[in-house]
PDB file of N, CA and C in Angstrom:
ATOM      1  N   MET A   1       8.223 -13.118  -1.041  1.00  0.00           N
ATOM      2  CA  MET A   1       8.657 -12.208  -2.133  1.00  0.00           C
ATOM      3  C   MET A   1       9.454 -11.085  -1.337  1.00  0.00           C
ATOM      4  N   LEU A   2      10.634 -10.687  -1.795  1.00  0.00           N
ATOM      5  CA  LEU A   2      11.479  -9.645  -1.281  1.00  0.00           C
ATOM      6  C   LEU A   2      10.867  -8.255  -1.824  1.00  0.00           C
ATOM      7  N   ILE A   3      10.574  -7.379  -0.859  1.00  0.00           N
ATOM      8  CA  ILE A   3      10.105  -6.117  -1.216  1.00  0.00           C
ATOM      9  C   ILE A   3      11.153  -4.934  -0.619  1.00  0.00           C
ATOM     10  N   THR A   4      11.554  -4.090  -1.362  1.00  0.00           N
ATOM     11  CA  THR A   4      12.474  -3.152  -0.823  1.00  0.00           C
ATOM     12  C   THR A   4      12.157  -1.778  -1.459  1.00  0.00           C
ATOM     13  N   THR A   5      12.461  -0.668  -0.688  1.00  0.00           N
ATOM     14  CA  THR A   5      12.304   0.591  -1.270  1.00  0.00           C
ATOM     15  C   THR A   5      13.601   1.040  -1.959  1.00  0.00           C
ATOM     16  N   ARG A   6      14.630   0.388  -1.774  1.00  0.00           N
ATOM     17  CA  ARG A   6      15.877   0.598  -2.553  1.00  0.00           C
ATOM     18  C   ARG A   6      15.761   0.367  -4.044  1.00  0.00           C
ATOM     19  N   ASP A   7      16.639   0.908  -4.761  1.00  0.00           N
ATOM     20  CA  ASP A   7      16.532   0.579  -6.307  1.00  0.00           C
ATOM     21  C   ASP A   7      17.614  -0.623  -6.631  1.00  0.00           C
ATOM     22  N   ASP A   8      18.105  -1.322  -5.600  1.00  0.00           N
ATOM     23  CA  ASP A   8      19.010  -2.481  -5.727  1.00  0.00           C
ATOM     24  C   ASP A   8      18.805  -3.379  -4.792  1.00  0.00           C
ATOM     25  N   VAL A   9      19.368  -4.600  -4.894  1.00  0.00           N
ATOM     26  CA  VAL A   9      19.383  -5.617  -3.853  1.00  0.00           C
ATOM     27  C   VAL A   9      20.835  -6.038  -3.679  1.00  0.00           C
ATOM     28  N   GLU A  10      21.286  -5.786  -2.575  1.00  0.00           N
ATOM     29  CA  GLU A  10      22.782  -5.887  -2.346  1.00  0.00           C
ATOM     30  C   GLU A  10      23.262  -7.308  -2.730  1.00  0.00           C
ATOM     31  N   GLY A  11      24.203  -7.451  -3.535  1.00  0.00           N
ATOM     32  CA  GLY A  11      24.806  -8.680  -3.995  1.00  0.00           C
ATOM     33  C   GLY A  11      24.010  -9.362  -5.106  1.00  0.00           C
ATOM     34  N   ARG A  12      22.877  -8.911  -5.528  1.00  0.00           N
ATOM     35  CA  ARG A  12      22.102  -9.628  -6.486  1.00  0.00           C
ATOM     36  C   ARG A  12      21.913  -8.791  -7.817  1.00  0.00           C
ATOM     37  N   ARG A  13      22.038  -9.551  -8.991  1.00  0.00           N
ATOM     38  CA  ARG A  13      21.798  -8.835 -10.129  1.00  0.00           C
ATOM     39  C   ARG A  13      20.405  -9.324 -10.665  1.00  0.00           C
ATOM     40  N   PHE A  14      19.664  -8.366 -11.351  1.00  0.00           N
ATOM     41  CA  PHE A  14      18.387  -8.773 -11.826  1.00  0.00           C
ATOM     42  C   PHE A  14      18.036  -8.076 -13.108  1.00  0.00           C
ATOM     43  N   THR A  15      17.024  -8.540 -13.725  1.00  0.00           N
ATOM     44  CA  THR A  15      16.356  -7.900 -15.020  1.00  0.00           C
ATOM     45  C   THR A  15      15.025  -7.369 -14.560  1.00  0.00           C
ATOM     46  N   GLU A  16      14.593  -6.281 -14.987  1.00  0.00           N
ATOM     47  CA  GLU A  16      13.370  -5.614 -14.775  1.00  0.00           C
ATOM     48  C   GLU A  16      12.207  -6.272 -15.540  1.00  0.00           C
ATOM     49  N   LEU A  17      11.221  -6.592 -14.861  1.00  0.00           N
ATOM     50  CA  LEU A  17       9.958  -7.165 -15.470  1.00  0.00           C
ATOM     51  C   LEU A  17       8.934  -6.072 -15.846  1.00  0.00           C
ATOM     52  N   GLY A  18       8.929  -5.013 -15.102  1.00  0.00           N
ATOM     53  CA  GLY A  18       7.934  -4.003 -15.232  1.00  0.00           C
ATOM     54  C   GLY A  18       7.380  -3.501 -13.978  1.00  0.00           C
ATOM     55  N   LEU A  19       6.504  -2.440 -14.234  1.00  0.00           N
ATOM     56  CA  LEU A  19       5.792  -1.969 -13.135  1.00  0.00           C
ATOM     57  C   LEU A  19       4.689  -2.775 -12.665  1.00  0.00           C
ATOM     58  N   VAL A  20       4.542  -3.010 -11.362  1.00  0.00           N
ATOM     59  CA  VAL A  20       3.446  -3.668 -10.691  1.00  0.00           C
ATOM     60  C   VAL A  20       2.886  -2.754  -9.666  1.00  0.00           C
ATOM     61  N   MET A  21       1.457  -3.047  -9.532  1.00  0.00           N
ATOM     62  CA  MET A  21       0.740  -2.115  -8.543  1.00  0.00           C
ATOM     63  C   MET A  21      -0.445  -2.861  -7.997  1.00  0.00           C
ATOM     64  N   GLY A  22      -0.797  -2.261  -6.930  1.00  0.00           N
ATOM     65  CA  GLY A  22      -2.038  -2.693  -6.243  1.00  0.00           C
ATOM     66  C   GLY A  22      -2.713  -1.592  -5.625  1.00  0.00           C
ATOM     67  N   ASN A  23      -4.066  -1.529  -5.616  1.00  0.00           N
ATOM     68  CA  ASN A  23      -4.727  -0.455  -4.971  1.00  0.00           C
ATOM     69  C   ASN A  23      -6.093  -0.823  -4.365  1.00  0.00           C
ATOM     70  N   THR A  24      -6.536  -0.035  -3.506  1.00  0.00           N
ATOM     71  CA  THR A  24      -7.837  -0.239  -2.821  1.00  0.00           C
ATOM     72  C   THR A  24      -8.354   1.048  -2.410  1.00  0.00           C
ATOM     73  N   VAL A  25      -9.592   1.241  -2.375  1.00  0.00           N
ATOM     74  CA  VAL A  25     -10.380   2.236  -1.829  1.00  0.00           C
ATOM     75  C   VAL A  25     -11.076   1.804  -0.622  1.00  0.00           C
ATOM     76  N   GLN A  26     -10.864   2.430   0.515  1.00  0.00           N
ATOM     77  CA  GLN A  26     -11.459   1.960   1.881  1.00  0.00           C
ATOM     78  C   GLN A  26     -12.137   3.210   2.537  1.00  0.00           C
ATOM     79  N   SER A  27     -13.143   2.830   3.161  1.00  0.00           N
ATOM     80  CA  SER A  27     -13.966   3.979   4.085  1.00  0.00           C
ATOM     81  C   SER A  27     -14.153   3.235   5.382  1.00  0.00           C
ATOM     82  N   VAL A  28     -14.320   4.262   6.405  1.00  0.00           N
ATOM     83  CA  VAL A  28     -14.671   3.803   7.734  1.00  0.00           C
ATOM     84  C   VAL A  28     -16.250   3.674   7.813  1.00  0.00           C
ATOM     85  N   HIS A  29     -16.676   2.829   8.742  1.00  0.00           N
ATOM     86  CA  HIS A  29     -18.069   2.713   9.095  1.00  0.00           C
ATOM     87  C   HIS A  29     -18.565   3.997   9.519  1.00  0.00           C
ATOM     88  N   ILE A  30     -19.907   4.359   9.230  1.00  0.00           N
ATOM     89  CA  ILE A  30     -20.428   5.652   9.589  1.00  0.00           C
ATOM     90  C   ILE A  30     -20.420   5.880  11.171  1.00  0.00           C
ATOM     91  N   GLY A  31     -20.570   4.836  11.950  1.00  0.00           N
ATOM     92  CA  GLY A  31     -20.354   4.926  13.275  1.00  0.00           C
ATOM     93  C   GLY A  31     -18.995   5.308  13.838  1.00  0.00           C
ATOM     94  N   LYS A  32     -18.032   4.644  13.141  1.00  0.00           N
ATOM     95  CA  LYS A  32     -16.639   4.983  13.413  1.00  0.00           C
ATOM     96  C   LYS A  32     -16.257   6.519  12.999  1.00  0.00           C
ATOM     97  N   ASP A  33     -16.856   6.872  11.855  1.00  0.00           N
ATOM     98  CA  ASP A  33     -16.596   8.123  11.393  1.00  0.00           C
ATOM     99  C   ASP A  33     -17.204   9.107  12.423  1.00  0.00           C
ATOM    100  N   PHE A  34     -18.398   8.894  12.927  1.00  0.00           N
ATOM    101  CA  PHE A  34     -19.019   9.733  13.850  1.00  0.00           C
ATOM    102  C   PHE A  34     -18.085   9.972  15.056  1.00  0.00           C
ATOM    103  N   LEU A  35     -17.576   8.806  15.610  1.00  0.00           N
ATOM    104  CA  LEU A  35     -16.662   8.780  16.820  1.00  0.00           C
ATOM    105  C   LEU A  35     -15.324   9.553  16.502  1.00  0.00           C
ATOM    106  N   ALA A  36     -14.862   9.352  15.205  1.00  0.00           N
ATOM    107  CA  ALA A  36     -13.615  10.104  14.905  1.00  0.00           C
ATOM    108  C   ALA A  36     -13.955  11.519  14.912  1.00  0.00           C
ATOM    109  N   GLY A  37     -15.021  12.015  14.535  1.00  0.00           N
ATOM    110  CA  GLY A  37     -15.358  13.437  14.625  1.00  0.00           C
ATOM    111  C   GLY A  37     -15.116  13.970  16.101  1.00  0.00           C
ATOM    112  N   PHE A  38     -15.645  13.094  17.140  1.00  0.00           N
ATOM    113  CA  PHE A  38     -15.404  13.469  18.502  1.00  0.00           C
ATOM    114  C   PHE A  38     -13.995  13.509  18.865  1.00  0.00           C
ATOM    115  N   GLU A  39     -13.273  12.547  18.434  1.00  0.00           N
ATOM    116  CA  GLU A  39     -11.797  12.393  18.744  1.00  0.00           C
ATOM    117  C   GLU A  39     -11.167  13.670  18.138  1.00  0.00           C
ATOM    118  N   ASN A  40     -11.513  14.029  17.017  1.00  0.00           N
ATOM    119  CA  ASN A  40     -10.911  15.214  16.359  1.00  0.00           C
ATOM    120  C   ASN A  40     -11.136  16.544  17.179  1.00  0.00           C
ATOM    121  N   LEU A  41     -12.360  16.612  17.829  1.00  0.00           N
ATOM    122  CA  LEU A  41     -12.620  17.735  18.755  1.00  0.00           C
ATOM    123  C   LEU A  41     -11.640  17.918  19.828  1.00  0.00           C
ATOM    124  N   PHE A  42     -11.200  16.752  20.402  1.00  0.00           N
ATOM    125  CA  PHE A  42     -10.419  16.849  21.548  1.00  0.00           C
ATOM    126  C   PHE A  42      -8.962  16.522  21.292  1.00  0.00           C
ATOM    127  N   GLY A  43      -8.637  16.293  20.100  1.00  0.00           N
ATOM    128  CA  GLY A  43      -7.237  16.110  19.654  1.00  0.00           C
ATOM    129  C   GLY A  43      -6.850  14.563  19.931  1.00  0.00           C
ATOM    130  N   GLY A  44      -5.661  14.265  19.416  1.00  0.00           N
ATOM    131  CA  GLY A  44      -5.227  12.922  19.559  1.00  0.00           C
ATOM    132  C   GLY A  44      -5.288  12.126  18.276  1.00  0.00           C
ATOM    133  N   GLU A  45      -5.051  10.904  18.473  1.00  0.00           N
ATOM    134  CA  GLU A  45      -4.927   9.943  17.345  1.00  0.00           C
ATOM    135  C   GLU A  45      -6.329   9.455  16.903  1.00  0.00           C
ATOM    136  N   LEU A  46      -6.628   9.554  15.613  1.00  0.00           N
ATOM    137  CA  LEU A  46      -8.021   9.053  15.143  1.00  0.00           C
ATOM    138  C   LEU A  46      -7.766   7.524  14.899  1.00  0.00           C
ATOM    139  N   THR A  47      -8.045   6.758  15.823  1.00  0.00           N
ATOM    140  CA  THR A  47      -7.741   5.237  15.742  1.00  0.00           C
ATOM    141  C   THR A  47      -8.491   4.590  14.586  1.00  0.00           C
ATOM    142  N   SER A  48      -9.836   4.975  14.317  1.00  0.00           N
ATOM    143  CA  SER A  48     -10.584   4.351  13.217  1.00  0.00           C
ATOM    144  C   SER A  48      -9.988   4.578  11.975  1.00  0.00           C
ATOM    145  N   TYR A  49      -9.465   5.763  11.731  1.00  0.00           N
ATOM    146  CA  TYR A  49      -8.725   6.152  10.269  1.00  0.00           C
ATOM    147  C   TYR A  49      -7.508   5.464  10.358  1.00  0.00           C
ATOM    148  N   ASN A  50      -6.792   5.330  11.468  1.00  0.00           N
ATOM    149  CA  ASN A  50      -5.450   4.585  11.534  1.00  0.00           C
ATOM    150  C   ASN A  50      -5.716   3.153  11.073  1.00  0.00           C
ATOM    151  N   GLU A  51      -6.710   2.487  11.665  1.00  0.00           N
ATOM    152  CA  GLU A  51      -7.070   1.117  11.270  1.00  0.00           C
ATOM    153  C   GLU A  51      -7.412   0.898   9.851  1.00  0.00           C
ATOM    154  N   MET A  52      -8.126   1.835   9.309  1.00  0.00           N
ATOM    155  CA  MET A  52      -8.674   1.826   7.904  1.00  0.00           C
ATOM    156  C   MET A  52      -7.371   1.845   7.087  1.00  0.00           C
ATOM    157  N   LEU A  53      -6.500   2.865   7.267  1.00  0.00           N
ATOM    158  CA  LEU A  53      -5.480   3.040   6.486  1.00  0.00           C
ATOM    159  C   LEU A  53      -4.451   1.866   6.457  1.00  0.00           C
ATOM    160  N   SER A  54      -4.190   1.332   7.671  1.00  0.00           N
ATOM    161  CA  SER A  54      -3.226   0.135   7.932  1.00  0.00           C
ATOM    162  C   SER A  54      -3.881  -1.064   7.068  1.00  0.00           C
ATOM    163  N   ASN A  55      -5.126  -1.270   7.166  1.00  0.00           N
ATOM    164  CA  ASN A  55      -5.810  -2.318   6.429  1.00  0.00           C
ATOM    165  C   ASN A  55      -5.738  -2.075   4.898  1.00  0.00           C
ATOM    166  N   ALA A  56      -5.819  -0.971   4.465  1.00  0.00           N
ATOM    167  CA  ALA A  56      -5.815  -0.603   3.084  1.00  0.00           C
ATOM    168  C   ALA A  56      -4.426  -0.809   2.520  1.00  0.00           C
ATOM    169  N   ARG A  57      -3.448  -0.244   3.305  1.00  0.00           N
ATOM    170  CA  ARG A  57      -1.998  -0.583   2.915  1.00  0.00           C
ATOM    171  C   ARG A  57      -1.745  -1.973   2.595  1.00  0.00           C
ATOM    172  N   GLN A  58      -2.194  -2.796   3.543  1.00  0.00           N
ATOM    173  CA  GLN A  58      -1.953  -4.265   3.448  1.00  0.00           C
ATOM    174  C   GLN A  58      -2.700  -4.868   2.275  1.00  0.00           C
ATOM    175  N   ILE A  59      -3.893  -4.499   2.041  1.00  0.00           N
ATOM    176  CA  ILE A  59      -4.558  -4.917   0.838  1.00  0.00           C
ATOM    177  C   ILE A  59      -3.795  -4.555  -0.495  1.00  0.00           C
ATOM    178  N   ALA A  60      -3.470  -3.288  -0.544  1.00  0.00           N
ATOM    179  CA  ALA A  60      -2.791  -2.784  -1.764  1.00  0.00           C
ATOM    180  C   ALA A  60      -1.492  -3.494  -1.969  1.00  0.00           C
ATOM    181  N   THR A  61      -0.759  -3.829  -0.886  1.00  0.00           N
ATOM    182  CA  THR A  61       0.497  -4.426  -0.984  1.00  0.00           C
ATOM    183  C   THR A  61       0.316  -5.931  -1.463  1.00  0.00           C
ATOM    184  N   ASP A  62      -0.630  -6.619  -0.822  1.00  0.00           N
ATOM    185  CA  ASP A  62      -1.024  -7.958  -1.272  1.00  0.00           C
ATOM    186  C   ASP A  62      -1.331  -7.967  -2.704  1.00  0.00           C
ATOM    187  N   ARG A  63      -2.093  -7.144  -3.150  1.00  0.00           N
ATOM    188  CA  ARG A  63      -2.484  -7.047  -4.622  1.00  0.00           C
ATOM    189  C   ARG A  63      -1.277  -6.762  -5.551  1.00  0.00           C
ATOM    190  N   MET A  64      -0.321  -5.891  -5.146  1.00  0.00           N
ATOM    191  CA  MET A  64       0.897  -5.739  -5.903  1.00  0.00           C
ATOM    192  C   MET A  64       1.748  -6.957  -5.945  1.00  0.00           C
ATOM    193  N   ILE A  65       1.916  -7.622  -4.775  1.00  0.00           N
ATOM    194  CA  ILE A  65       2.692  -8.815  -4.753  1.00  0.00           C
ATOM    195  C   ILE A  65       2.051  -9.937  -5.578  1.00  0.00           C
ATOM    196  N   GLN A  66       0.759 -10.025  -5.673  1.00  0.00           N
ATOM    197  CA  GLN A  66       0.104 -10.989  -6.494  1.00  0.00           C
ATOM    198  C   GLN A  66       0.281 -10.696  -7.917  1.00  0.00           C
ATOM    199  N   GLN A  67       0.284  -9.385  -8.334  1.00  0.00           N
ATOM    200  CA  GLN A  67       0.568  -9.106  -9.728  1.00  0.00           C
ATOM    201  C   GLN A  67       1.980  -9.460 -10.007  1.00  0.00           C
ATOM    202  N   ALA A  68       2.936  -9.197  -9.112  1.00  0.00           N
ATOM    203  CA  ALA A  68       4.341  -9.487  -9.440  1.00  0.00           C
ATOM    204  C   ALA A  68       4.617 -11.062  -9.653  1.00  0.00           C
ATOM    205  N   ALA A  69       3.818 -11.863  -8.706  1.00  0.00           N
ATOM    206  CA  ALA A  69       3.952 -13.224  -8.748  1.00  0.00           C
ATOM    207  C   ALA A  69       3.476 -13.770 -10.108  1.00  0.00           C
ATOM    208  N   GLN A  70       2.447 -13.174 -10.598  1.00  0.00           N
ATOM    209  CA  GLN A  70       1.890 -13.604 -11.901  1.00  0.00           C
ATOM    210  C   GLN A  70       2.750 -13.519 -13.046  1.00  0.00           C
ATOM    211  N   ILE A  71       3.729 -12.424 -12.913  1.00  0.00           N
ATOM    212  CA  ILE A  71       4.734 -12.355 -14.000  1.00  0.00           C
ATOM    213  C   ILE A  71       6.067 -12.974 -13.712  1.00  0.00           C
ATOM    214  N   GLY A  72       6.068 -13.742 -12.711  1.00  0.00           N
ATOM    215  CA  GLY A  72       7.407 -14.433 -12.370  1.00  0.00           C
ATOM    216  C   GLY A  72       8.349 -13.679 -11.656  1.00  0.00           C
ATOM    217  N   ALA A  73       8.036 -12.695 -10.947  1.00  0.00           N
ATOM    218  CA  ALA A  73       8.986 -11.856 -10.154  1.00  0.00           C
ATOM    219  C   ALA A  73       9.577 -12.600  -8.946  1.00  0.00           C
ATOM    220  N   ASP A  74      10.777 -12.200  -8.614  1.00  0.00           N
ATOM    221  CA  ASP A  74      11.485 -12.770  -7.453  1.00  0.00           C
ATOM    222  C   ASP A  74      11.394 -11.681  -6.375  1.00  0.00           C
ATOM    223  N   ALA A  75      11.345 -10.336  -6.796  1.00  0.00           N
ATOM    224  CA  ALA A  75      11.335  -9.226  -5.874  1.00  0.00           C
ATOM    225  C   ALA A  75      10.634  -7.989  -6.490  1.00  0.00           C
ATOM    226  N   ILE A  76      10.375  -7.069  -5.696  1.00  0.00           N
ATOM    227  CA  ILE A  76       9.895  -5.676  -6.071  1.00  0.00           C
ATOM    228  C   ILE A  76      10.799  -4.739  -5.538  1.00  0.00           C
ATOM    229  N   VAL A  77      11.413  -3.970  -6.402  1.00  0.00           N
ATOM    230  CA  VAL A  77      12.320  -2.848  -5.940  1.00  0.00           C
ATOM    231  C   VAL A  77      11.568  -1.513  -6.092  1.00  0.00           C
ATOM    232  N   CYS A  78      12.216  -0.491  -5.417  1.00  0.00           N
ATOM    233  CA  CYS A  78      11.724   0.943  -5.546  1.00  0.00           C
ATOM    234  C   CYS A  78      10.129   0.934  -5.164  1.00  0.00           C
ATOM    235  N   MET A  79       9.723   0.205  -4.155  1.00  0.00           N
ATOM    236  CA  MET A  79       8.366   0.101  -3.782  1.00  0.00           C
ATOM    237  C   MET A  79       8.041   1.374  -3.008  1.00  0.00           C
ATOM    238  N   ARG A  80       6.829   1.997  -3.350  1.00  0.00           N
ATOM    239  CA  ARG A  80       6.264   3.114  -2.733  1.00  0.00           C
ATOM    240  C   ARG A  80       4.785   3.062  -2.486  1.00  0.00           C
ATOM    241  N   TYR A  81       4.234   3.935  -1.755  1.00  0.00           N
ATOM    242  CA  TYR A  81       2.777   4.099  -1.503  1.00  0.00           C
ATOM    243  C   TYR A  81       2.375   5.467  -1.896  1.00  0.00           C
ATOM    244  N   VAL A  82       1.156   5.663  -2.324  1.00  0.00           N
ATOM    245  CA  VAL A  82       0.556   6.788  -2.582  1.00  0.00           C
ATOM    246  C   VAL A  82      -0.872   6.805  -2.135  1.00  0.00           C
ATOM    247  N   THR A  83      -1.290   7.910  -1.416  1.00  0.00           N
ATOM    248  CA  THR A  83      -2.572   7.860  -0.776  1.00  0.00           C
ATOM    249  C   THR A  83      -3.252   9.126  -1.242  1.00  0.00           C
ATOM    250  N   ASN A  84      -4.588   8.942  -1.561  1.00  0.00           N
ATOM    251  CA  ASN A  84      -5.435  10.100  -2.064  1.00  0.00           C
ATOM    252  C   ASN A  84      -6.759   9.969  -1.354  1.00  0.00           C
ATOM    253  N   SER A  85      -7.182  11.181  -0.965  1.00  0.00           N
ATOM    254  CA  SER A  85      -8.505  11.356  -0.393  1.00  0.00           C
ATOM    255  C   SER A  85      -9.555  11.316  -1.448  1.00  0.00           C
ATOM    256  N   ILE A  86     -10.558  10.364  -1.346  1.00  0.00           N
ATOM    257  CA  ILE A  86     -11.583  10.262  -2.271  1.00  0.00           C
ATOM    258  C   ILE A  86     -12.744  11.089  -1.926  1.00  0.00           C
ATOM    259  N   THR A  87     -13.156  10.985  -0.641  1.00  0.00           N
ATOM    260  CA  THR A  87     -14.280  11.690  -0.017  1.00  0.00           C
ATOM    261  C   THR A  87     -14.106  11.698   1.441  1.00  0.00           C
ATOM    262  N   GLN A  88     -14.914  12.400   2.128  1.00  0.00           N
ATOM    263  CA  GLN A  88     -14.876  12.425   3.589  1.00  0.00           C
ATOM    264  C   GLN A  88     -14.961  11.035   4.156  1.00  0.00           C
ATOM    265  N   GLY A  89     -13.927  10.534   4.857  1.00  0.00           N
ATOM    266  CA  GLY A  89     -13.928   9.130   5.492  1.00  0.00           C
ATOM    267  C   GLY A  89     -13.482   8.071   4.513  1.00  0.00           C
ATOM    268  N   ALA A  90     -13.005   8.405   3.255  1.00  0.00           N
ATOM    269  CA  ALA A  90     -12.593   7.412   2.372  1.00  0.00           C
ATOM    270  C   ALA A  90     -11.216   7.704   1.718  1.00  0.00           C
ATOM    271  N   ALA A  91     -10.445   6.722   1.489  1.00  0.00           N
ATOM    272  CA  ALA A  91      -9.134   7.124   0.856  1.00  0.00           C
ATOM    273  C   ALA A  91      -8.796   5.862   0.014  1.00  0.00           C
ATOM    274  N   GLU A  92      -7.968   6.274  -1.010  1.00  0.00           N
ATOM    275  CA  GLU A  92      -7.321   5.338  -1.979  1.00  0.00           C
ATOM    276  C   GLU A  92      -5.930   5.181  -1.600  1.00  0.00           C
ATOM    277  N   ILE A  93      -5.411   3.875  -1.443  1.00  0.00           N
ATOM    278  CA  ILE A  93      -4.029   3.532  -1.289  1.00  0.00           C
ATOM    279  C   ILE A  93      -3.524   2.847  -2.509  1.00  0.00           C
ATOM    280  N   LEU A  94      -2.387   3.343  -3.036  1.00  0.00           N
ATOM    281  CA  LEU A  94      -1.799   2.557  -4.189  1.00  0.00           C
ATOM    282  C   LEU A  94      -0.475   2.207  -3.854  1.00  0.00           C
ATOM    283  N   ALA A  95      -0.095   0.995  -3.970  1.00  0.00           N
ATOM    284  CA  ALA A  95       1.246   0.400  -3.792  1.00  0.00           C
ATOM    285  C   ALA A  95       1.821   0.159  -5.095  1.00  0.00           C
ATOM    286  N   TYR A  96       3.057   0.597  -5.345  1.00  0.00           N
ATOM    287  CA  TYR A  96       3.579   0.222  -6.619  1.00  0.00           C
ATOM    288  C   TYR A  96       5.189   0.099  -6.515  1.00  0.00           C
ATOM    289  N   GLY A  97       5.726  -0.579  -7.498  1.00  0.00           N
ATOM    290  CA  GLY A  97       7.209  -0.819  -7.572  1.00  0.00           C
ATOM    291  C   GLY A  97       7.513  -1.484  -8.897  1.00  0.00           C
ATOM    292  N   THR A  98       8.861  -1.850  -9.001  1.00  0.00           N
ATOM    293  CA  THR A  98       9.333  -2.522 -10.174  1.00  0.00           C
ATOM    294  C   THR A  98       9.503  -3.901  -9.901  1.00  0.00           C
ATOM    295  N   ALA A  99       8.806  -4.839 -10.665  1.00  0.00           N
ATOM    296  CA  ALA A  99       9.125  -6.238 -10.417  1.00  0.00           C
ATOM    297  C   ALA A  99      10.362  -6.560 -11.168  1.00  0.00           C
ATOM    298  N   VAL A 100      11.133  -7.524 -10.489  1.00  0.00           N
ATOM    299  CA  VAL A 100      12.423  -7.930 -11.004  1.00  0.00           C
ATOM    300  C   VAL A 100      12.559  -9.479 -10.864  1.00  0.00           C
ATOM    301  N   LYS A 101      13.470 -10.052 -11.807  1.00  0.00           N
ATOM    302  CA  LYS A 101      13.736 -11.351 -11.766  1.00  0.00           C
ATOM    303  C   LYS A 101      15.269 -11.495 -11.556  1.00  0.00           C
ATOM    304  N   PHE A 102      15.690 -12.318 -10.533  1.00  0.00           N
ATOM    305  CA  PHE A 102      17.241 -12.393 -10.330  1.00  0.00           C
ATOM    306  C   PHE A 102      17.830 -13.353 -11.308  1.00  0.00           C
ATOM    307  N   ILE A 103      19.108 -12.787 -11.713  1.00  0.00           N
ATOM    308  CA  ILE A 103      19.843 -13.659 -12.710  1.00  0.00           C
ATOM    309  C   ILE A 103      20.998 -14.220 -12.035  1.00  0.00           C
TER     310      ILE A 103
END
């Protein structure tokens, strides 16, 4: 499925099918959270959180694509991500966009 952050697809016309979205709430393992606290003391990249958010983005994107496929979409335009902190060490990722059908 074609996914773009643009509001058009060059050379293609389409009809809008509606909003599609996928989300997940992820947290890091308590041991990884503890290690991230030490990384934070010394500066640098917090790799355990990086992995968590990367995994969460993929899950949210897959769920959004699944929802678009269920309504017969050929593509998703205007795709965006939103991230919210739920609690210490946990975050929600929401992927959303407009499902479209090429004509």
